[in-house]
Every structure is written in structure tokens, then in C-alpha cells.
């Protein structure tokens, strides 16, 4: 019985350091200004002849409901919130396979331009992913959404 009182505290002292939590955030680098990796996280375009620029642009992978299919979709969204109302451009690329040109062909590949809560769906155009590096997705785009013409679009978003 006396051994048990000796073994339990020693076991506890040996096991305690194994419970230590890793310090700090994940050591993966992200795309954000001034991190010496990429300082141009943004999306720009010309909309109906007017310059448009968003400083917050994000990319997301969206898995199909049957996650075992291996199919992943790419969602890119950027918002210019210094205007009233805020404006947003979104892309959804079905079965994203890497750098390529994806034609806007709803409902497969879609583009949308939002002015406040009013949504304008793109019915023709393209999204070209030119670079899928370790840190960012870069590309260009143009599309027509109803009466709105979006041209000369360029984006650089953090890799999801």
C-alpha cells in the first residue's frame, strides 16, 4: 500500500508535462498586408466604367455534401464597404481543379455582383485562375450581370 502512495505521485509528475498545450497560433503563414509574402490582398474591377476596389477578399473551399467524392468547389468573395450601400463580388467555381479558365455558366460556375441586398447574377464571362501558390490565388475576371458590365477584374486572395 505504501508503494501505491509513492507510485501515484511519481506517475502524475511524469504525465503532467505531456498535457501541455502548444503555444501560439498555428505556424502557417497567411496572406495579409506586411507579412513579406504578399501585400496585395484585394480585388479590383471596372464596373459600368467606374473603378471598383475591395481590400477584403477571401477564398474558401466548399466540399460537396458527399465529402468522399473528392470534388471541391471554390468560393471567392470581396466587399467594398466604404460605399453606401456596400458592394460585393462573388464567384463560385464548381469542381475547382487548379489554375485554369472557368467560363461563367450558371448554375455550374457563377458570378454575382451585389449592391446592398440587390443581387445581379452574371450570365456570361470568365474567371481565370492564373496562380495557385502556397499562399494565394491570383487571377482575373470579367462578366456581364444584367445591365452591369464588370471588366478588367483582378484578384489576389488568401489561399483557403
Protein backbone atom coordinates (compact mmCIF):
# COMPACT_ATOMS: atom_id res chain seq x y z
CA UNK A 1 0.00 0.00 0.00
CA UNK A 2 2.88 2.32 0.77
CA UNK A 3 4.24 1.71 -2.74
CA UNK A 4 0.94 2.84 -4.22
CA UNK A 5 1.24 6.21 -2.44
CA UNK A 6 4.71 6.56 -3.93
CA UNK A 7 3.90 5.38 -7.49
CA UNK A 8 0.80 7.56 -7.99
CA UNK A 9 2.53 10.96 -7.36
CA UNK A 10 5.54 9.96 -9.47
CA UNK A 11 3.27 8.86 -12.34
CA UNK A 12 1.34 12.11 -12.06
CA UNK A 13 4.53 14.19 -12.21
CA UNK A 14 5.72 12.28 -15.28
CA UNK A 15 2.38 12.59 -17.10
CA UNK A 16 1.80 16.29 -16.35
CA UNK A 17 4.26 17.71 -18.96
CA UNK A 18 2.55 15.67 -21.70
CA UNK A 19 -0.65 17.69 -21.15
CA UNK A 20 0.96 20.98 -22.15
CA UNK A 21 -0.85 22.90 -24.91
CA UNK A 22 1.13 24.10 -27.92
CA UNK A 23 1.93 27.79 -27.61
CA UNK A 24 0.72 30.45 -30.02
CA UNK A 25 -1.26 30.28 -33.24
CA UNK A 26 -0.62 27.79 -35.99
CA UNK A 27 2.76 28.39 -37.55
CA UNK A 28 1.33 28.60 -41.09
CA UNK A 29 1.74 31.95 -42.81
CA UNK A 30 -1.28 33.75 -44.21
CA UNK A 31 -1.70 36.30 -46.96
CA UNK A 32 -2.17 39.67 -45.37
CA UNK A 33 -0.52 43.06 -45.81
CA UNK A 34 3.00 43.45 -44.44
CA UNK A 35 3.79 39.78 -43.85
CA UNK A 36 6.53 39.81 -46.53
CA UNK A 37 4.65 37.19 -48.53
CA UNK A 38 2.05 39.18 -50.40
CA UNK A 39 0.92 42.73 -49.76
CA UNK A 40 -1.78 42.96 -52.41
CA UNK A 41 -4.74 41.07 -50.97
CA UNK A 42 -7.52 42.72 -52.91
CA UNK A 43 -9.93 42.64 -55.80
CA UNK A 44 -10.28 45.40 -58.38
CA UNK A 45 -12.54 45.84 -61.39
CA UNK A 46 -14.22 48.36 -63.62
CA UNK A 47 -17.99 48.32 -63.17
CA UNK A 48 -20.00 50.24 -65.76
CA UNK A 49 -16.93 52.41 -66.45
CA UNK A 50 -16.30 53.19 -62.74
CA UNK A 51 -13.31 51.94 -60.78
CA UNK A 52 -14.12 49.42 -58.02
CA UNK A 53 -11.68 48.23 -55.34
CA UNK A 54 -12.14 45.91 -52.37
CA UNK A 55 -9.48 45.48 -49.73
CA UNK A 56 -11.12 42.47 -48.12
CA UNK A 57 -11.07 39.46 -50.43
CA UNK A 58 -11.32 35.86 -49.30
CA UNK A 59 -11.28 32.40 -50.85
CA UNK A 60 -12.98 29.32 -49.43
CA UNK A 61 -13.11 25.66 -50.40
CA UNK A 62 -16.60 24.20 -50.20
CA UNK A 63 -16.91 20.41 -50.17
CA UNK A 64 -19.92 18.69 -51.72
CA UNK A 65 -22.34 17.07 -49.31
CA UNK A 66 -20.83 13.69 -50.20
CA UNK A 67 -17.33 14.53 -48.91
CA UNK A 68 -15.97 11.25 -50.22
CA UNK A 69 -16.36 12.39 -53.85
CA UNK A 70 -13.10 14.35 -53.82
CA UNK A 71 -14.87 17.27 -55.50
CA UNK A 72 -14.20 20.68 -54.04
CA UNK A 73 -15.70 23.97 -55.08
CA UNK A 74 -14.04 27.37 -54.80
CA UNK A 75 -15.89 30.40 -53.44
CA UNK A 76 -14.27 33.84 -53.74
CA UNK A 77 -15.89 36.91 -52.21
CA UNK A 78 -14.79 40.54 -51.94
CA UNK A 79 -16.63 43.50 -50.44
CA UNK A 80 -16.15 47.22 -50.87
CA UNK A 81 -17.70 48.51 -47.68
CA UNK A 82 -16.62 52.16 -47.87
CA UNK A 83 -19.62 52.97 -50.09
CA UNK A 84 -23.28 53.25 -49.23
CA UNK A 85 -24.64 50.73 -49.93
CA UNK A 86 -21.76 48.25 -49.74
CA UNK A 87 -20.99 46.34 -52.93
CA UNK A 88 -19.76 42.76 -53.23
CA UNK A 89 -18.50 40.47 -55.99
CA UNK A 90 -18.69 36.70 -55.50
CA UNK A 91 -17.59 33.73 -57.59
CA UNK A 92 -18.45 30.07 -57.18
CA UNK A 93 -16.39 27.62 -59.23
CA UNK A 94 -17.75 24.09 -59.24
CA UNK A 95 -15.18 21.25 -59.18
CA UNK A 96 -12.15 23.51 -58.83
CA UNK A 97 -9.11 21.67 -60.19
CA UNK A 98 -6.42 24.37 -60.13
CA UNK A 99 -5.24 27.18 -62.39
CA UNK A 100 -7.42 27.36 -65.49
CA UNK A 101 -10.08 29.46 -67.18
CA UNK A 102 -13.58 28.78 -65.91
CA UNK A 103 -16.47 30.05 -68.03
CA UNK A 104 -19.39 31.57 -66.17
CA UNK A 105 -22.12 29.08 -66.89
CA UNK A 106 -24.86 29.16 -64.23
CA UNK A 107 -25.61 27.09 -62.23
CA UNK A 108 -22.21 25.37 -62.62
CA UNK A 109 -19.82 28.34 -62.35
CA UNK A 110 -21.42 31.54 -61.13
CA UNK A 111 -20.56 35.19 -60.59
CA UNK A 112 -22.69 37.76 -58.82
CA UNK A 113 -22.49 41.49 -58.18
CA UNK A 114 -24.35 42.80 -55.12
CA UNK A 115 -25.33 46.40 -54.46
CA UNK A 116 -26.59 46.32 -50.90
CA UNK A 117 -29.14 43.48 -50.88
CA UNK A 118 -29.81 43.67 -54.62
CA UNK A 119 -28.16 40.76 -56.44
CA UNK A 120 -27.16 40.79 -60.13
CA UNK A 121 -26.27 37.33 -61.45
CA UNK A 122 -23.59 37.01 -64.11
CA UNK A 123 -24.87 35.28 -67.22
CA UNK A 124 -21.68 35.26 -69.31
CA UNK A 125 -17.97 35.86 -68.85
CA UNK A 126 -14.94 34.11 -67.41
CA UNK A 127 -12.86 33.65 -64.26
CA UNK A 128 -9.21 32.82 -64.86
CA UNK A 129 -7.10 31.48 -62.01
CA UNK A 130 -3.53 32.18 -63.13
CA UNK A 131 -1.67 31.21 -59.96
CA UNK A 132 -2.47 28.85 -57.12
CA UNK A 133 0.66 29.28 -55.00
CA UNK A 134 1.35 28.20 -51.45
CA UNK A 135 -0.17 31.41 -50.10
CA UNK A 136 -2.57 32.97 -52.61
CA UNK A 137 -4.96 32.57 -55.51
CA UNK A 138 -4.38 35.13 -58.25
CA UNK A 139 -6.39 35.69 -61.37
CA UNK A 140 -8.61 37.91 -63.46
CA UNK A 141 -12.24 38.04 -64.50
CA UNK A 142 -14.92 39.81 -66.49
CA UNK A 143 -18.64 39.18 -66.70
CA UNK A 144 -21.99 40.71 -67.56
CA UNK A 145 -24.62 40.73 -64.83
CA UNK A 146 -27.93 42.03 -66.15
CA UNK A 147 -27.32 45.67 -67.09
CA UNK A 148 -23.97 45.80 -65.26
CA UNK A 149 -20.73 45.17 -67.11
CA UNK A 150 -17.77 44.14 -64.96
CA UNK A 151 -14.44 44.24 -66.82
CA UNK A 152 -10.69 44.37 -66.11
CA UNK A 153 -11.16 42.42 -62.88
CA UNK A 154 -8.10 41.27 -60.97
CA UNK A 155 -7.96 39.44 -57.67
CA UNK A 156 -5.41 38.20 -55.18
CA UNK A 157 -6.96 36.30 -52.29
CA UNK A 158 -5.61 34.24 -49.46
CA UNK A 159 -5.41 30.58 -50.30
CA UNK A 160 -8.22 28.80 -48.47
